[in-house]
Amino acid sequence: MSASHVNARVQKHRAALRMAGLRPVQIWVPDTRRPDFAEECRRQSILVAQADSADTAMQQFMDAALADVGGWTE
């Protein structure tokens, strides 16, 4: 299969998606292969946990939501 055949197929597919009203979007995400990735996850998790523990209204909301899931898995 030649590269030009694949390119033409990809172009046709993308054109069909555009005709359907869609458009391409580029999303940048963290590189999980970086050596500092796990440490950064830990750092952010600690910040979130500290913020959550300081927000009693959010904790009450989460407790109420958790109490309302009875029977979902049965």
PDB file of N, CA and C in Angstrom:
ATOM      1  N   MET A   1       0.855  -1.177   0.000  1.00  0.00           N
ATOM      2  CA  MET A   1       0.000   0.000   0.000  1.00  0.00           C
ATOM      3  C   MET A   1       0.897   1.236   0.000  1.00  0.00           C
ATOM      4  N   SER A   2       0.729   2.105  -0.935  1.00  0.00           N
ATOM      5  CA  SER A   2       1.592   3.278  -1.050  1.00  0.00           C
ATOM      6  C   SER A   2       1.147   4.383  -0.099  1.00  0.00           C
ATOM      7  N   ALA A   3       2.093   5.245   0.217  1.00  0.00           N
ATOM      8  CA  ALA A   3       1.806   6.353   1.125  1.00  0.00           C
ATOM      9  C   ALA A   3       0.767   7.289   0.537  1.00  0.00           C
ATOM     10  N   SER A   4       0.805   7.490  -0.773  1.00  0.00           N
ATOM     11  CA  SER A   4      -0.168   8.389  -1.401  1.00  0.00           C
ATOM     12  C   SER A   4      -1.581   7.821  -1.296  1.00  0.00           C
ATOM     13  N   HIS A   5      -1.708   6.473  -1.383  1.00  0.00           N
ATOM     14  CA  HIS A   5      -3.028   5.850  -1.242  1.00  0.00           C
ATOM     15  C   HIS A   5      -3.570   6.082   0.174  1.00  0.00           C
ATOM     16  N   VAL A   6      -2.708   5.908   1.168  1.00  0.00           N
ATOM     17  CA  VAL A   6      -3.117   6.120   2.553  1.00  0.00           C
ATOM     18  C   VAL A   6      -3.465   7.588   2.772  1.00  0.00           C
ATOM     19  N   ASN A   7      -2.653   8.484   2.262  1.00  0.00           N
ATOM     20  CA  ASN A   7      -2.928   9.926   2.400  1.00  0.00           C
ATOM     21  C   ASN A   7      -4.264  10.303   1.788  1.00  0.00           C
ATOM     22  N   ALA A   8      -4.559   9.750   0.618  1.00  0.00           N
ATOM     23  CA  ALA A   8      -5.832  10.048  -0.045  1.00  0.00           C
ATOM     24  C   ALA A   8      -7.002   9.528   0.782  1.00  0.00           C
ATOM     25  N   ARG A   9      -6.841   8.332   1.354  1.00  0.00           N
ATOM     26  CA  ARG A   9      -7.893   7.755   2.190  1.00  0.00           C
ATOM     27  C   ARG A   9      -8.130   8.597   3.440  1.00  0.00           C
ATOM     28  N   VAL A  10      -7.050   9.063   4.059  1.00  0.00           N
ATOM     29  CA  VAL A  10      -7.164   9.904   5.247  1.00  0.00           C
ATOM     30  C   VAL A  10      -7.833  11.225   4.889  1.00  0.00           C
ATOM     31  N   GLN A  11      -7.437  11.808   3.759  1.00  0.00           N
ATOM     32  CA  GLN A  11      -8.052  13.069   3.312  1.00  0.00           C
ATOM     33  C   GLN A  11      -9.546  12.891   3.077  1.00  0.00           C
ATOM     34  N   LYS A  12      -9.924  11.784   2.459  1.00  0.00           N
ATOM     35  CA  LYS A  12     -11.338  11.517   2.184  1.00  0.00           C
ATOM     36  C   LYS A  12     -12.107  11.374   3.506  1.00  0.00           C
ATOM     37  N   HIS A  13     -11.518  10.655   4.447  1.00  0.00           N
ATOM     38  CA  HIS A  13     -12.163  10.464   5.746  1.00  0.00           C
ATOM     39  C   HIS A  13     -12.345  11.803   6.464  1.00  0.00           C
ATOM     40  N   ARG A  14     -11.298  12.614   6.467  1.00  0.00           N
ATOM     41  CA  ARG A  14     -11.382  13.926   7.125  1.00  0.00           C
ATOM     42  C   ARG A  14     -12.396  14.839   6.438  1.00  0.00           C
ATOM     43  N   ALA A  15     -12.456  14.775   5.125  1.00  0.00           N
ATOM     44  CA  ALA A  15     -13.437  15.582   4.384  1.00  0.00           C
ATOM     45  C   ALA A  15     -14.857  15.159   4.762  1.00  0.00           C
ATOM     46  N   ALA A  16     -15.068  13.858   4.907  1.00  0.00           N
ATOM     47  CA  ALA A  16     -16.394  13.370   5.290  1.00  0.00           C
ATOM     48  C   ALA A  16     -16.763  13.855   6.694  1.00  0.00           C
ATOM     49  N   LEU A  17     -15.795  13.839   7.590  1.00  0.00           N
ATOM     50  CA  LEU A  17     -16.059  14.330   8.943  1.00  0.00           C
ATOM     51  C   LEU A  17     -16.384  15.823   8.929  1.00  0.00           C
ATOM     52  N   ARG A  18     -15.659  16.589   8.113  1.00  0.00           N
ATOM     53  CA  ARG A  18     -15.944  18.032   8.018  1.00  0.00           C
ATOM     54  C   ARG A  18     -17.330  18.271   7.427  1.00  0.00           C
ATOM     55  N   MET A  19     -17.698  17.473   6.440  1.00  0.00           N
ATOM     56  CA  MET A  19     -19.033  17.603   5.844  1.00  0.00           C
ATOM     57  C   MET A  19     -20.123  17.275   6.869  1.00  0.00           C
ATOM     58  N   ALA A  20     -19.793  16.452   7.842  1.00  0.00           N
ATOM     59  CA  ALA A  20     -20.742  16.104   8.899  1.00  0.00           C
ATOM     60  C   ALA A  20     -20.793  17.185   9.975  1.00  0.00           C
ATOM     61  N   GLY A  21     -20.025  18.260   9.775  1.00  0.00           N
ATOM     62  CA  GLY A  21     -20.051  19.372  10.722  1.00  0.00           C
ATOM     63  C   GLY A  21     -19.029  19.260  11.839  1.00  0.00           C
ATOM     64  N   LEU A  22     -18.068  18.365  11.696  1.00  0.00           N
ATOM     65  CA  LEU A  22     -17.044  18.210  12.715  1.00  0.00           C
ATOM     66  C   LEU A  22     -15.769  18.913  12.292  1.00  0.00           C
ATOM     67  N   ARG A  23     -14.910  19.172  13.252  1.00  0.00           N
ATOM     68  CA  ARG A  23     -13.619  19.752  12.933  1.00  0.00           C
ATOM     69  C   ARG A  23     -12.559  19.147  13.844  1.00  0.00           C
ATOM     70  N   PRO A  24     -11.329  19.095  13.380  1.00  0.00           N
ATOM     71  CA  PRO A  24     -10.274  18.496  14.200  1.00  0.00           C
ATOM     72  C   PRO A  24      -9.877  19.425  15.351  1.00  0.00           C
ATOM     73  N   VAL A  25      -9.486  18.814  16.448  1.00  0.00           N
ATOM     74  CA  VAL A  25      -9.049  19.545  17.625  1.00  0.00           C
ATOM     75  C   VAL A  25      -7.752  18.905  18.115  1.00  0.00           C
ATOM     76  N   GLN A  26      -6.786  19.723  18.444  1.00  0.00           N
ATOM     77  CA  GLN A  26      -5.537  19.208  18.981  1.00  0.00           C
ATOM     78  C   GLN A  26      -5.554  19.396  20.489  1.00  0.00           C
ATOM     79  N   ILE A  27      -5.247  18.330  21.218  1.00  0.00           N
ATOM     80  CA  ILE A  27      -5.254  18.382  22.681  1.00  0.00           C
ATOM     81  C   ILE A  27      -3.863  18.015  23.186  1.00  0.00           C
ATOM     82  N   TRP A  28      -3.331  18.858  24.031  1.00  0.00           N
ATOM     83  CA  TRP A  28      -2.032  18.592  24.642  1.00  0.00           C
ATOM     84  C   TRP A  28      -2.267  18.014  26.025  1.00  0.00           C
ATOM     85  N   VAL A  29      -1.611  16.926  26.329  1.00  0.00           N
ATOM     86  CA  VAL A  29      -1.755  16.261  27.617  1.00  0.00           C
ATOM     87  C   VAL A  29      -0.376  16.090  28.250  1.00  0.00           C
ATOM     88  N   PRO A  30      -0.324  15.933  29.565  1.00  0.00           N
ATOM     89  CA  PRO A  30       0.975  15.735  30.213  1.00  0.00           C
ATOM     90  C   PRO A  30       1.677  14.475  29.695  1.00  0.00           C
ATOM     91  N   ASP A  31       2.979  14.551  29.618  1.00  0.00           N
ATOM     92  CA  ASP A  31       3.793  13.414  29.170  1.00  0.00           C
ATOM     93  C   ASP A  31       4.058  12.513  30.364  1.00  0.00           C
ATOM     94  N   THR A  32       3.399  11.361  30.386  1.00  0.00           N
ATOM     95  CA  THR A  32       3.518  10.441  31.520  1.00  0.00           C
ATOM     96  C   THR A  32       4.885   9.773  31.578  1.00  0.00           C
ATOM     97  N   ARG A  33       5.708   9.946  30.551  1.00  0.00           N
ATOM     98  CA  ARG A  33       7.043   9.336  30.527  1.00  0.00           C
ATOM     99  C   ARG A  33       8.093  10.219  31.192  1.00  0.00           C
ATOM    100  N   ARG A  34       7.744  11.444  31.509  1.00  0.00           N
ATOM    101  CA  ARG A  34       8.717  12.338  32.152  1.00  0.00           C
ATOM    102  C   ARG A  34       9.083  11.811  33.524  1.00  0.00           C
ATOM    103  N   PRO A  35      10.328  11.969  33.926  1.00  0.00           N
ATOM    104  CA  PRO A  35      10.747  11.450  35.232  1.00  0.00           C
ATOM    105  C   PRO A  35      10.044  12.125  36.407  1.00  0.00           C
ATOM    106  N   ASP A  36       9.616  13.365  36.244  1.00  0.00           N
ATOM    107  CA  ASP A  36       8.965  14.075  37.349  1.00  0.00           C
ATOM    108  C   ASP A  36       7.443  13.963  37.330  1.00  0.00           C
ATOM    109  N   PHE A  37       6.893  13.142  36.441  1.00  0.00           N
ATOM    110  CA  PHE A  37       5.432  13.043  36.310  1.00  0.00           C
ATOM    111  C   PHE A  37       4.775  12.552  37.601  1.00  0.00           C
ATOM    112  N   ALA A  38       5.276  11.458  38.173  1.00  0.00           N
ATOM    113  CA  ALA A  38       4.664  10.899  39.382  1.00  0.00           C
ATOM    114  C   ALA A  38       4.730  11.890  40.543  1.00  0.00           C
ATOM    115  N   GLU A  39       5.856  12.569  40.683  1.00  0.00           N
ATOM    116  CA  GLU A  39       5.990  13.546  41.769  1.00  0.00           C
ATOM    117  C   GLU A  39       5.016  14.709  41.579  1.00  0.00           C
ATOM    118  N   GLU A  40       4.833  15.145  40.350  1.00  0.00           N
ATOM    119  CA  GLU A  40       3.876  16.229  40.085  1.00  0.00           C
ATOM    120  C   GLU A  40       2.450  15.783  40.390  1.00  0.00           C
ATOM    121  N   CYS A  41       2.127  14.535  40.077  1.00  0.00           N
ATOM    122  CA  CYS A  41       0.804  13.990  40.424  1.00  0.00           C
ATOM    123  C   CYS A  41       0.605  14.000  41.937  1.00  0.00           C
ATOM    124  N   ARG A  42       1.621  13.560  42.655  1.00  0.00           N
ATOM    125  CA  ARG A  42       1.562  13.565  44.119  1.00  0.00           C
ATOM    126  C   ARG A  42       1.349  14.981  44.646  1.00  0.00           C
ATOM    127  N   ARG A  43       2.122  15.934  44.123  1.00  0.00           N
ATOM    128  CA  ARG A  43       2.031  17.328  44.572  1.00  0.00           C
ATOM    129  C   ARG A  43       0.614  17.879  44.366  1.00  0.00           C
ATOM    130  N   GLN A  44       0.061  17.642  43.181  1.00  0.00           N
ATOM    131  CA  GLN A  44      -1.280  18.149  42.893  1.00  0.00           C
ATOM    132  C   GLN A  44      -2.335  17.436  43.714  1.00  0.00           C
ATOM    133  N   SER A  45      -2.158  16.143  43.955  1.00  0.00           N
ATOM    134  CA  SER A  45      -3.111  15.386  44.768  1.00  0.00           C
ATOM    135  C   SER A  45      -3.151  15.911  46.197  1.00  0.00           C
ATOM    136  N   ILE A  46      -1.985  16.240  46.732  1.00  0.00           N
ATOM    137  CA  ILE A  46      -1.922  16.795  48.092  1.00  0.00           C
ATOM    138  C   ILE A  46      -2.642  18.136  48.150  1.00  0.00           C
ATOM    139  N   LEU A  47      -2.433  18.978  47.141  1.00  0.00           N
ATOM    140  CA  LEU A  47      -3.118  20.278  47.109  1.00  0.00           C
ATOM    141  C   LEU A  47      -4.630  20.103  47.059  1.00  0.00           C
ATOM    142  N   VAL A  48      -5.098  19.164  46.248  1.00  0.00           N
ATOM    143  CA  VAL A  48      -6.539  18.917  46.132  1.00  0.00           C
ATOM    144  C   VAL A  48      -7.091  18.387  47.451  1.00  0.00           C
ATOM    145  N   ALA A  49      -6.368  17.455  48.065  1.00  0.00           N
ATOM    146  CA  ALA A  49      -6.818  16.894  49.346  1.00  0.00           C
ATOM    147  C   ALA A  49      -6.897  17.981  50.417  1.00  0.00           C
ATOM    148  N   GLN A  50      -5.920  18.878  50.443  1.00  0.00           N
ATOM    149  CA  GLN A  50      -5.940  19.973  51.418  1.00  0.00           C
ATOM    150  C   GLN A  50      -7.123  20.900  51.164  1.00  0.00           C
ATOM    151  N   ALA A  51      -7.376  21.212  49.913  1.00  0.00           N
ATOM    152  CA  ALA A  51      -8.508  22.089  49.581  1.00  0.00           C
ATOM    153  C   ALA A  51      -9.822  21.409  49.934  1.00  0.00           C
ATOM    154  N   ASP A  52      -9.928  20.100  49.652  1.00  0.00           N
ATOM    155  CA  ASP A  52     -11.155  19.366  49.969  1.00  0.00           C
ATOM    156  C   ASP A  52     -11.412  19.317  51.465  1.00  0.00           C
ATOM    157  N   SER A  53     -10.355  19.111  52.249  1.00  0.00           N
ATOM    158  CA  SER A  53     -10.550  19.011  53.699  1.00  0.00           C
ATOM    159  C   SER A  53     -10.961  20.350  54.299  1.00  0.00           C
ATOM    160  N   ALA A  54     -10.618  21.442  53.657  1.00  0.00           N
ATOM    161  CA  ALA A  54     -10.974  22.774  54.147  1.00  0.00           C
ATOM    162  C   ALA A  54     -12.386  23.182  53.725  1.00  0.00           C
ATOM    163  N   ASP A  55     -12.977  22.461  52.774  1.00  0.00           N
ATOM    164  CA  ASP A  55     -14.290  22.829  52.237  1.00  0.00           C
ATOM    165  C   ASP A  55     -15.362  21.904  52.814  1.00  0.00           C
ATOM    166  N   THR A  56     -15.921  22.283  53.962  1.00  0.00           N
ATOM    167  CA  THR A  56     -16.898  21.406  54.617  1.00  0.00           C
ATOM    168  C   THR A  56     -18.199  21.298  53.824  1.00  0.00           C
ATOM    169  N   ALA A  57     -18.581  22.346  53.123  1.00  0.00           N
ATOM    170  CA  ALA A  57     -19.809  22.290  52.321  1.00  0.00           C
ATOM    171  C   ALA A  57     -19.663  21.258  51.203  1.00  0.00           C
ATOM    172  N   MET A  58     -18.496  21.202  50.594  1.00  0.00           N
ATOM    173  CA  MET A  58     -18.266  20.221  49.537  1.00  0.00           C
ATOM    174  C   MET A  58     -18.293  18.811  50.121  1.00  0.00           C
ATOM    175  N   GLN A  59     -17.702  18.626  51.291  1.00  0.00           N
ATOM    176  CA  GLN A  59     -17.700  17.309  51.924  1.00  0.00           C
ATOM    177  C   GLN A  59     -19.125  16.860  52.236  1.00  0.00           C
ATOM    178  N   GLN A  60     -19.952  17.771  52.717  1.00  0.00           N
ATOM    179  CA  GLN A  60     -21.358  17.441  52.995  1.00  0.00           C
ATOM    180  C   GLN A  60     -22.086  17.070  51.710  1.00  0.00           C
ATOM    181  N   PHE A  61     -21.824  17.811  50.644  1.00  0.00           N
ATOM    182  CA  PHE A  61     -22.436  17.509  49.355  1.00  0.00           C
ATOM    183  C   PHE A  61     -22.019  16.120  48.871  1.00  0.00           C
ATOM    184  N   MET A  62     -20.721  15.815  48.970  1.00  0.00           N
ATOM    185  CA  MET A  62     -20.218  14.509  48.525  1.00  0.00           C
ATOM    186  C   MET A  62     -20.801  13.380  49.384  1.00  0.00           C
ATOM    187  N   ASP A  63     -20.921  13.594  50.686  1.00  0.00           N
ATOM    188  CA  ASP A  63     -21.521  12.586  51.562  1.00  0.00           C
ATOM    189  C   ASP A  63     -22.977  12.328  51.177  1.00  0.00           C
ATOM    190  N   ALA A  64     -23.709  13.399  50.881  1.00  0.00           N
ATOM    191  CA  ALA A  64     -25.110  13.255  50.474  1.00  0.00           C
ATOM    192  C   ALA A  64     -25.212  12.523  49.139  1.00  0.00           C
ATOM    193  N   ALA A  65     -24.334  12.842  48.224  1.00  0.00           N
ATOM    194  CA  ALA A  65     -24.339  12.166  46.929  1.00  0.00           C
ATOM    195  C   ALA A  65     -24.014  10.683  47.093  1.00  0.00           C
ATOM    196  N   LEU A  66     -23.060  10.377  47.949  1.00  0.00           N
ATOM    197  CA  LEU A  66     -22.679   8.987  48.190  1.00  0.00           C
ATOM    198  C   LEU A  66     -23.825   8.207  48.830  1.00  0.00           C
ATOM    199  N   ALA A  67     -24.576   8.863  49.694  1.00  0.00           N
ATOM    200  CA  ALA A  67     -25.697   8.204  50.351  1.00  0.00           C
ATOM    201  C   ALA A  67     -26.838   7.916  49.373  1.00  0.00           C
ATOM    202  N   ASP A  68     -26.813   8.571  48.223  1.00  0.00           N
ATOM    203  CA  ASP A  68     -27.917   8.463  47.254  1.00  0.00           C
ATOM    204  C   ASP A  68     -27.620   7.451  46.147  1.00  0.00           C
ATOM    205  N   VAL A  69     -26.594   6.642  46.267  1.00  0.00           N
ATOM    206  CA  VAL A  69     -26.255   5.695  45.193  1.00  0.00           C
ATOM    207  C   VAL A  69     -26.723   4.275  45.483  1.00  0.00           C
ATOM    208  N   GLY A  70     -27.467   4.106  46.541  1.00  0.00           N
ATOM    209  CA  GLY A  70     -27.957   2.777  46.894  1.00  0.00           C
ATOM    210  C   GLY A  70     -28.745   2.137  45.762  1.00  0.00           C
ATOM    211  N   GLY A  71     -28.437   0.881  45.462  1.00  0.00           N
ATOM    212  CA  GLY A  71     -29.176   0.158  44.430  1.00  0.00           C
ATOM    213  C   GLY A  71     -28.659   0.342  43.018  1.00  0.00           C
ATOM    214  N   TRP A  72     -27.639   1.160  42.807  1.00  0.00           N
ATOM    215  CA  TRP A  72     -27.131   1.389  41.455  1.00  0.00           C
ATOM    216  C   TRP A  72     -26.461   0.153  40.873  1.00  0.00           C
ATOM    217  N   THR A  73     -25.858  -0.653  41.723  1.00  0.00           N
ATOM    218  CA  THR A  73     -25.108  -1.805  41.207  1.00  0.00           C
ATOM    219  C   THR A  73     -25.875  -3.111  41.356  1.00  0.00           C
ATOM    220  N   GLU A  74     -27.057  -3.040  41.829  1.00  0.00           N
ATOM    221  CA  GLU A  74     -27.836  -4.265  42.034  1.00  0.00           C
ATOM    222  C   GLU A  74     -28.697  -4.583  40.854  1.00  0.00           C
TER     223      GLU A  74
END
